[in-house]
N, C-alpha and C. Protein backbone atom coordinates (compact mmCIF):
# COMPACT_ATOMS: atom_id res chain seq x y z
N UNK A 1 0.85 -1.14 0.04
CA UNK A 1 0.00 0.04 0.05
C UNK A 1 0.90 1.28 -0.03
N UNK A 2 1.93 1.15 0.79
CA UNK A 2 2.82 2.40 1.02
C UNK A 2 3.38 2.72 -0.40
N UNK A 3 3.90 1.70 -1.09
CA UNK A 3 4.56 1.83 -2.34
C UNK A 3 3.53 2.40 -3.41
N UNK A 4 2.37 2.00 -3.38
CA UNK A 4 1.39 2.51 -4.32
C UNK A 4 1.08 3.92 -4.02
N UNK A 5 1.10 4.36 -2.83
CA UNK A 5 0.80 5.80 -2.51
C UNK A 5 2.00 6.62 -2.94
N UNK A 6 3.21 6.10 -2.66
CA UNK A 6 4.35 6.88 -3.03
C UNK A 6 4.44 7.03 -4.54
N UNK A 7 4.16 5.90 -5.28
CA UNK A 7 4.14 5.91 -6.77
C UNK A 7 3.16 6.92 -7.29
N UNK A 8 1.91 7.03 -6.63
CA UNK A 8 0.92 8.02 -7.01
C UNK A 8 1.43 9.46 -6.86
N UNK A 9 2.04 9.70 -5.66
CA UNK A 9 2.58 11.07 -5.31
C UNK A 9 3.67 11.44 -6.32
N UNK A 10 4.66 10.46 -6.56
CA UNK A 10 5.77 10.64 -7.38
C UNK A 10 5.41 10.87 -8.83
N UNK A 11 4.23 10.34 -9.25
CA UNK A 11 3.77 10.54 -10.64
C UNK A 11 3.62 11.96 -10.95
N UNK A 12 3.32 12.83 -10.04
CA UNK A 12 3.15 14.27 -10.13
C UNK A 12 4.42 15.06 -10.04
N UNK A 13 5.48 14.41 -9.60
CA UNK A 13 6.72 15.11 -9.21
C UNK A 13 7.45 15.79 -10.41
N UNK A 14 7.53 15.11 -11.49
CA UNK A 14 8.41 15.64 -12.58
C UNK A 14 8.33 17.14 -12.91
N UNK A 15 7.17 17.78 -13.00
CA UNK A 15 7.12 19.21 -13.29
C UNK A 15 7.79 20.02 -12.17
N UNK A 16 7.94 19.40 -11.07
CA UNK A 16 8.43 20.19 -9.87
C UNK A 16 9.98 19.88 -9.54
N UNK A 17 10.46 18.90 -10.33
CA UNK A 17 11.86 18.43 -10.11
C UNK A 17 12.93 19.55 -10.10
N UNK A 18 12.73 20.55 -10.97
CA UNK A 18 13.74 21.63 -11.02
C UNK A 18 13.69 22.61 -9.87
N UNK A 19 12.43 22.64 -9.16
CA UNK A 19 12.37 23.60 -8.10
C UNK A 19 12.44 23.17 -6.67
N UNK A 20 12.28 21.75 -6.57
CA UNK A 20 12.36 21.18 -5.25
C UNK A 20 12.74 19.74 -5.21
N UNK A 21 13.49 19.30 -4.14
CA UNK A 21 13.82 17.91 -4.06
C UNK A 21 12.54 16.98 -3.88
N UNK A 22 12.72 15.73 -4.17
CA UNK A 22 11.49 14.86 -4.04
C UNK A 22 10.92 14.76 -2.71
N UNK A 23 11.80 14.74 -1.66
CA UNK A 23 11.31 14.69 -0.28
C UNK A 23 10.45 15.96 0.07
N UNK A 24 10.91 17.13 -0.36
CA UNK A 24 10.06 18.31 -0.11
C UNK A 24 8.84 18.27 -0.84
N UNK A 25 8.77 17.69 -2.05
CA UNK A 25 7.54 17.52 -2.80
C UNK A 25 6.56 16.63 -2.07
N UNK A 26 7.01 15.51 -1.55
CA UNK A 26 6.24 14.55 -0.87
C UNK A 26 5.67 15.20 0.46
N UNK A 27 6.56 16.01 1.02
CA UNK A 27 6.10 16.68 2.26
C UNK A 27 4.98 17.67 1.89
N UNK A 28 5.15 18.37 0.79
CA UNK A 28 4.15 19.31 0.35
C UNK A 28 2.82 18.59 0.08
N UNK A 29 2.94 17.46 -0.58
CA UNK A 29 1.64 16.78 -0.97
C UNK A 29 1.04 16.14 0.35
N UNK A 30 1.76 15.52 1.17
CA UNK A 30 1.18 14.88 2.44
C UNK A 30 0.82 15.95 3.41
N UNK A 31 1.73 16.86 3.65
CA UNK A 31 1.42 17.93 4.56
C UNK A 31 0.34 18.82 4.14
N UNK A 32 0.33 19.06 2.79
CA UNK A 32 -0.75 19.96 2.27
C UNK A 32 -2.14 19.20 2.29
N UNK A 33 -2.14 17.92 2.05
CA UNK A 33 -3.45 17.24 2.16
C UNK A 33 -3.83 17.16 3.57
N UNK A 34 -2.99 16.95 4.64
CA UNK A 34 -3.25 16.85 5.90
C UNK A 34 -3.83 18.33 6.43
N UNK A 35 -3.13 19.34 5.88
CA UNK A 35 -3.50 20.70 6.19
C UNK A 35 -4.84 21.02 5.70
N UNK A 36 -5.19 20.62 4.49
CA UNK A 36 -6.49 20.87 4.01
C UNK A 36 -7.62 20.14 4.73
N UNK A 37 -7.31 18.83 5.11
CA UNK A 37 -8.18 18.13 6.06
C UNK A 37 -8.31 18.88 7.37
N UNK A 38 -7.27 19.41 7.91
CA UNK A 38 -7.39 20.05 9.15
C UNK A 38 -8.27 21.35 9.07
N UNK A 39 -8.02 22.07 8.05
CA UNK A 39 -8.90 23.28 7.80
C UNK A 39 -10.36 22.91 7.55
N UNK A 40 -10.59 21.87 6.78
CA UNK A 40 -11.93 21.38 6.49
C UNK A 40 -12.58 20.90 7.92
N UNK A 41 -11.89 20.14 8.66
CA UNK A 41 -12.39 19.69 9.91
C UNK A 41 -12.65 20.79 10.93
N UNK A 42 -11.78 21.78 10.81
CA UNK A 42 -11.93 23.05 11.76
C UNK A 42 -13.18 23.65 11.34
N UNK A 43 -13.41 23.90 10.05
CA UNK A 43 -14.51 24.67 9.61
C UNK A 43 -15.84 23.87 9.91
N UNK A 44 -15.86 22.61 9.65
CA UNK A 44 -16.98 21.72 9.98
C UNK A 44 -17.45 21.77 11.46
N UNK A 45 -16.24 21.64 12.31
CA UNK A 45 -16.43 21.64 13.69
C UNK A 45 -16.97 22.99 14.21
N UNK A 46 -16.37 24.10 13.76
CA UNK A 46 -16.69 25.38 14.25
C UNK A 46 -18.10 25.86 13.77
N UNK A 47 -18.40 25.53 12.52
CA UNK A 47 -19.75 25.97 11.95
C UNK A 47 -20.90 25.08 12.16
N UNK A 48 -20.66 23.76 12.17
CA UNK A 48 -21.75 22.90 12.17
C UNK A 48 -21.88 22.09 13.39
N UNK A 49 -20.72 21.57 13.92
CA UNK A 49 -20.84 20.79 15.26
C UNK A 49 -21.04 21.72 16.42
N UNK A 50 -20.25 22.72 16.49
CA UNK A 50 -20.29 23.76 17.70
C UNK A 50 -21.22 24.85 17.38
N UNK A 51 -21.52 24.98 16.11
CA UNK A 51 -22.49 26.07 15.71
C UNK A 51 -22.12 27.45 16.29
N UNK A 52 -20.85 27.58 16.29
CA UNK A 52 -20.14 28.91 16.72
C UNK A 52 -20.44 29.22 18.21
N UNK A 53 -20.77 28.25 18.97
CA UNK A 53 -21.06 28.41 20.44
C UNK A 53 -19.94 27.88 21.25
N UNK A 54 -19.68 28.50 22.41
CA UNK A 54 -18.66 28.05 23.32
C UNK A 54 -18.99 26.56 23.66
N UNK A 55 -17.82 25.84 24.02
CA UNK A 55 -17.99 24.44 24.45
C UNK A 55 -17.72 24.39 25.96
N UNK A 56 -18.75 24.10 26.74
CA UNK A 56 -18.67 24.04 28.11
C UNK A 56 -18.36 22.54 28.57
N UNK A 57 -17.13 22.38 29.08
CA UNK A 57 -16.69 21.11 29.52
C UNK A 57 -16.93 20.73 31.00
N UNK A 58 -17.69 21.76 31.70
CA UNK A 58 -17.91 21.63 33.05
C UNK A 58 -16.87 22.30 33.92
N UNK A 59 -15.67 21.97 33.59
CA UNK A 59 -14.56 22.62 34.34
C UNK A 59 -13.83 23.66 33.50
N UNK A 60 -14.13 23.81 32.26
CA UNK A 60 -13.49 24.71 31.42
C UNK A 60 -14.45 24.98 30.28
N UNK A 61 -14.46 26.29 29.89
CA UNK A 61 -15.31 26.77 28.77
C UNK A 61 -14.33 27.19 27.64
N UNK A 62 -14.43 26.49 26.54
CA UNK A 62 -13.60 26.85 25.37
C UNK A 62 -14.44 27.71 24.39
N UNK A 63 -13.76 28.69 23.76
CA UNK A 63 -14.24 29.34 22.60
C UNK A 63 -14.40 28.50 21.52
N UNK A 64 -15.44 28.65 20.67
CA UNK A 64 -15.69 27.64 19.57
C UNK A 64 -14.50 27.41 18.70
N UNK A 65 -13.70 28.42 18.39
CA UNK A 65 -12.55 28.30 17.49
C UNK A 65 -11.44 27.44 18.15
N UNK A 66 -11.37 27.61 19.54
CA UNK A 66 -10.35 26.77 20.18
C UNK A 66 -10.80 25.30 20.28
N UNK A 67 -12.08 25.05 20.53
CA UNK A 67 -12.60 23.75 20.53
C UNK A 67 -12.53 23.11 19.19
N UNK A 68 -12.82 23.86 18.08
CA UNK A 68 -12.69 23.35 16.81
C UNK A 68 -11.27 23.02 16.45
N UNK A 69 -10.31 23.75 16.97
CA UNK A 69 -8.94 23.47 16.68
C UNK A 69 -8.54 22.14 17.32
N UNK A 70 -8.99 21.93 18.54
CA UNK A 70 -8.74 20.55 19.21
C UNK A 70 -9.38 19.48 18.59
N UNK A 71 -10.64 19.63 18.04
CA UNK A 71 -11.39 18.64 17.37
C UNK A 71 -10.68 18.08 16.18
N UNK A 72 -10.14 19.09 15.36
CA UNK A 72 -9.54 18.80 14.11
C UNK A 72 -8.24 18.09 14.48
N UNK A 73 -7.49 18.61 15.45
CA UNK A 73 -6.25 18.03 15.83
C UNK A 73 -6.36 16.50 16.22
N UNK A 74 -7.42 16.11 16.82
CA UNK A 74 -7.54 14.69 17.11
C UNK A 74 -7.46 13.79 15.91
N UNK A 75 -7.83 14.36 14.79
CA UNK A 75 -7.80 13.50 13.52
C UNK A 75 -6.49 13.63 12.81
N UNK A 76 -6.03 14.87 12.69
CA UNK A 76 -4.91 15.15 11.82
C UNK A 76 -3.49 14.95 12.55
N UNK A 77 -3.51 14.90 13.78
CA UNK A 77 -2.23 14.48 14.54
C UNK A 77 -1.75 13.10 14.12
N UNK A 78 -2.58 12.08 14.43
CA UNK A 78 -2.01 10.73 14.07
C UNK A 78 -1.85 10.53 12.58
N UNK A 79 -2.69 11.17 11.76
CA UNK A 79 -2.60 11.02 10.33
C UNK A 79 -1.27 11.60 9.86
N UNK A 80 -0.99 12.84 10.37
CA UNK A 80 0.15 13.55 9.99
C UNK A 80 1.49 12.71 10.40
N UNK A 81 1.49 12.11 11.49
CA UNK A 81 2.62 11.34 11.93
C UNK A 81 2.76 10.10 10.96
N UNK A 82 1.72 9.50 10.66
CA UNK A 82 1.85 8.25 9.82
C UNK A 82 2.30 8.67 8.38
N UNK A 83 1.74 9.77 7.92
CA UNK A 83 2.19 10.24 6.54
C UNK A 83 3.66 10.62 6.49
N UNK A 84 4.08 11.28 7.54
CA UNK A 84 5.52 11.69 7.61
C UNK A 84 6.39 10.54 7.78
N UNK A 85 6.11 9.69 8.70
CA UNK A 85 6.96 8.48 8.99
C UNK A 85 7.07 7.51 7.79
N UNK A 86 5.98 7.21 7.12
CA UNK A 86 5.96 6.18 6.14
C UNK A 86 6.11 6.66 4.68
N UNK A 87 5.73 7.92 4.46
CA UNK A 87 5.82 8.37 3.09
C UNK A 87 6.83 9.54 2.77
N UNK A 88 7.07 10.37 3.81
CA UNK A 88 8.00 11.49 3.59
C UNK A 88 9.44 11.21 4.08
N UNK A 89 9.55 10.87 5.32
CA UNK A 89 10.81 10.65 5.90
C UNK A 89 11.08 9.26 6.34
N UNK A 90 10.90 8.28 5.38
CA UNK A 90 10.96 6.86 5.60
C UNK A 90 12.41 6.39 5.77
N UNK A 91 13.35 7.28 5.41
CA UNK A 91 14.82 6.76 5.63
C UNK A 91 15.32 7.12 6.96
N UNK A 92 14.58 7.56 7.88
CA UNK A 92 15.13 7.86 9.21
C UNK A 92 15.62 6.62 9.97
N UNK A 93 16.75 6.81 10.66
CA UNK A 93 17.28 5.64 11.39
C UNK A 93 16.66 5.57 12.76
N UNK A 94 15.98 6.63 13.25
CA UNK A 94 15.39 6.64 14.66
C UNK A 94 14.28 5.61 14.83
N UNK A 95 14.20 5.06 15.94
CA UNK A 95 13.08 4.20 16.31
C UNK A 95 11.83 4.89 16.34
N UNK A 96 10.78 4.13 16.04
CA UNK A 96 9.40 4.70 15.92
C UNK A 96 8.97 5.35 17.20
N UNK A 97 9.20 4.87 18.33
CA UNK A 97 8.76 5.56 19.51
C UNK A 97 9.48 6.87 19.68
N UNK A 98 10.75 6.92 19.31
CA UNK A 98 11.63 8.12 19.39
C UNK A 98 11.03 9.22 18.40
N UNK A 99 10.74 8.70 17.19
CA UNK A 99 10.08 9.60 16.20
C UNK A 99 8.79 10.20 16.70
N UNK A 100 7.97 9.22 17.32
CA UNK A 100 6.65 9.71 17.84
C UNK A 100 6.86 10.68 18.95
N UNK A 101 7.76 10.44 19.89
CA UNK A 101 8.03 11.37 21.02
C UNK A 101 8.48 12.77 20.42
N UNK A 102 9.47 12.85 19.51
CA UNK A 102 9.87 14.06 18.83
C UNK A 102 8.72 14.70 18.06
N UNK A 103 7.92 13.92 17.40
CA UNK A 103 6.80 14.42 16.67
C UNK A 103 5.88 15.15 17.54
N UNK A 104 5.51 14.53 18.69
CA UNK A 104 4.67 15.04 19.70
C UNK A 104 5.15 16.45 20.20
N UNK A 105 6.52 16.49 20.51
CA UNK A 105 7.18 17.77 20.93
C UNK A 105 6.96 18.88 19.86
N UNK A 106 7.30 18.54 18.61
CA UNK A 106 7.08 19.48 17.54
C UNK A 106 5.56 19.99 17.43
N UNK A 107 4.66 19.00 17.50
CA UNK A 107 3.31 19.24 17.30
C UNK A 107 2.79 20.11 18.45
N UNK A 108 3.34 19.87 19.59
CA UNK A 108 2.85 20.72 20.78
C UNK A 108 3.25 22.15 20.59
N UNK A 109 4.50 22.40 20.09
CA UNK A 109 4.88 23.68 19.71
C UNK A 109 3.99 24.32 18.54
N UNK A 110 3.80 23.49 17.62
CA UNK A 110 2.87 23.94 16.48
C UNK A 110 1.56 24.31 17.07
N UNK A 111 0.90 23.39 17.83
CA UNK A 111 -0.33 23.57 18.45
C UNK A 111 -0.40 24.91 19.24
N UNK A 112 0.62 25.18 20.12
CA UNK A 112 0.68 26.33 20.81
C UNK A 112 0.78 27.54 19.93
N UNK A 113 1.64 27.55 18.88
CA UNK A 113 1.71 28.62 17.93
C UNK A 113 0.44 28.88 17.24
N UNK A 114 -0.23 27.86 16.83
CA UNK A 114 -1.59 27.86 16.25
C UNK A 114 -2.54 28.50 17.12
N UNK A 115 -2.57 28.16 18.43
CA UNK A 115 -3.50 28.65 19.32
C UNK A 115 -3.24 30.18 19.61
N UNK A 116 -2.11 30.58 19.78
CA UNK A 116 -1.65 31.98 20.03
C UNK A 116 -2.03 32.75 18.79
N UNK A 117 -1.56 32.31 17.59
CA UNK A 117 -1.86 33.18 16.41
C UNK A 117 -3.45 33.24 16.23
N UNK A 118 -4.11 32.07 16.26
CA UNK A 118 -5.56 32.03 16.09
C UNK A 118 -6.25 33.03 17.01
N UNK A 119 -5.88 33.03 18.31
CA UNK A 119 -6.51 33.95 19.35
C UNK A 119 -6.19 35.42 19.12
N UNK A 120 -4.94 35.66 18.65
CA UNK A 120 -4.50 37.05 18.36
C UNK A 120 -5.27 37.55 17.21
N UNK A 121 -5.42 36.76 16.07
CA UNK A 121 -6.13 37.26 14.89
C UNK A 121 -7.58 37.38 15.13
N UNK A 122 -8.17 36.40 15.88
CA UNK A 122 -9.67 36.59 16.17
C UNK A 122 -9.99 37.60 17.15
N UNK A 123 -9.33 37.63 18.32
CA UNK A 123 -9.64 38.57 19.38
C UNK A 123 -9.15 39.99 19.27
N UNK A 124 -7.96 40.16 18.61
CA UNK A 124 -7.48 41.50 18.47
C UNK A 124 -7.56 42.06 17.16
N UNK A 125 -7.49 41.23 16.09
CA UNK A 125 -7.63 41.77 14.67
C UNK A 125 -8.97 41.58 14.18
N UNK A 126 -9.84 40.88 14.88
CA UNK A 126 -11.19 40.58 14.52
C UNK A 126 -11.35 39.90 13.18
N UNK A 127 -10.36 39.05 12.83
CA UNK A 127 -10.59 38.19 11.65
C UNK A 127 -11.56 37.06 11.89
N UNK A 128 -12.11 36.55 10.84
CA UNK A 128 -12.94 35.45 10.97
C UNK A 128 -12.19 34.20 11.31
N UNK A 129 -12.63 33.32 12.20
CA UNK A 129 -11.86 32.21 12.63
C UNK A 129 -11.26 31.28 11.61
N UNK A 130 -12.04 30.94 10.53
CA UNK A 130 -11.48 30.03 9.51
C UNK A 130 -10.41 30.67 8.78
N UNK A 131 -10.48 31.91 8.48
CA UNK A 131 -9.36 32.65 7.81
C UNK A 131 -8.15 32.74 8.68
N UNK A 132 -8.47 32.99 9.92
CA UNK A 132 -7.28 33.05 10.91
C UNK A 132 -6.55 31.77 11.03
N UNK A 133 -7.34 30.73 10.91
CA UNK A 133 -6.71 29.37 11.02
C UNK A 133 -5.89 29.09 9.82
N UNK A 134 -6.34 29.54 8.61
CA UNK A 134 -5.49 29.42 7.38
C UNK A 134 -4.29 30.17 7.49
N UNK A 135 -4.38 31.41 7.96
CA UNK A 135 -3.19 32.24 8.14
C UNK A 135 -2.09 31.66 9.03
N UNK A 136 -2.72 31.18 10.23
CA UNK A 136 -1.77 30.59 11.26
C UNK A 136 -1.08 29.40 10.66
N UNK A 137 -1.80 28.54 9.97
CA UNK A 137 -1.30 27.31 9.44
C UNK A 137 -0.15 27.67 8.36
N UNK A 138 -0.47 28.64 7.54
CA UNK A 138 0.63 28.96 6.52
C UNK A 138 1.97 29.44 7.24
N UNK A 139 1.86 30.18 8.34
CA UNK A 139 2.95 30.67 9.05
C UNK A 139 3.76 29.50 9.69
N UNK A 140 2.99 28.46 10.21
CA UNK A 140 3.61 27.43 10.92
C UNK A 140 4.31 26.26 10.01
N UNK A 141 3.89 26.26 8.74
CA UNK A 141 4.31 25.14 7.77
C UNK A 141 5.86 25.10 7.69
N UNK A 142 6.57 26.18 7.51
CA UNK A 142 7.95 26.16 7.26
C UNK A 142 8.70 25.69 8.42
N UNK A 143 8.27 26.14 9.61
CA UNK A 143 8.97 25.68 10.99
C UNK A 143 8.68 24.16 11.09
N UNK A 144 7.41 23.77 10.78
CA UNK A 144 7.14 22.30 10.91
C UNK A 144 7.98 21.36 10.01
N UNK A 145 8.10 21.83 8.70
CA UNK A 145 8.85 21.06 7.80
C UNK A 145 10.34 20.92 8.16
N UNK A 146 11.01 22.08 8.59
CA UNK A 146 12.34 22.04 9.00
C UNK A 146 12.57 21.22 10.33
N UNK A 147 11.69 21.39 11.22
CA UNK A 147 11.84 20.59 12.52
C UNK A 147 11.61 19.04 12.31
N UNK A 148 10.64 18.71 11.40
CA UNK A 148 10.44 17.33 11.14
C UNK A 148 11.57 16.70 10.43
N UNK A 149 12.08 17.49 9.47
CA UNK A 149 13.28 16.90 8.68
C UNK A 149 14.54 16.78 9.45
N UNK A 150 14.84 17.80 10.27
CA UNK A 150 16.13 17.89 10.90
C UNK A 150 16.11 17.31 12.40
N UNK A 151 14.94 17.09 12.90
CA UNK A 151 14.89 16.69 14.31
C UNK A 151 14.06 15.34 14.46
N UNK A 152 12.84 15.39 14.11
CA UNK A 152 11.99 14.21 14.32
C UNK A 152 12.32 13.01 13.52
N UNK A 153 12.51 13.21 12.21
CA UNK A 153 12.88 12.02 11.29
C UNK A 153 14.21 12.17 10.75
N UNK A 154 15.12 12.54 11.56
CA UNK A 154 16.54 12.85 11.10
C UNK A 154 17.14 11.54 10.50
N UNK A 155 17.99 11.75 9.48
CA UNK A 155 18.69 10.74 8.74
C UNK A 155 20.22 10.92 8.88
N UNK A 156 20.91 9.89 9.13
CA UNK A 156 22.39 10.04 9.33
C UNK A 156 22.96 10.59 8.02
N UNK A 157 23.93 11.46 8.28
CA UNK A 157 24.65 12.01 7.10
C UNK A 157 25.63 11.04 6.66
N UNK A 158 25.80 10.88 5.33
CA UNK A 158 26.82 9.96 4.86
C UNK A 158 28.14 10.59 4.94
N UNK A 159 29.07 9.81 5.36
CA UNK A 159 30.49 10.28 5.39
C UNK A 159 31.22 9.70 4.06
N UNK A 160 32.02 10.55 3.52
CA UNK A 160 32.75 10.15 2.35
C UNK A 160 34.12 9.94 2.55
């Protein structure tokens, strides 16, 4: 299954060969797909599940955009790890649990940045929450790629 998915992604790579390495292209496809799913789930959660109302957990009341962020995260977190581990950074020498631990660290940072940026844009700049989510995601993508490549799924450098 993994090989079929990689073959499908790589089928679209040739036009991009001159502007980015294959791994970056795979990250763009996998990460982009997961990002679109994240934004879609955020939109559905915010507008239809929560209907733009606060979520009262009894001990904590969440703004609907923060609750929607958490709901989307529950799906896209494990999917993102699996896509990165098996399709993008499959050459990593690190053990799976080490990768998962490092992935969790980076995702926590990303989630914190997402939360801060989302709240600043909604509460202080009065942007619509879905647009704010898109802007926050675009800002975080570069940090995420570099940290996943050089930390979470690191590959040993070849010595010559």
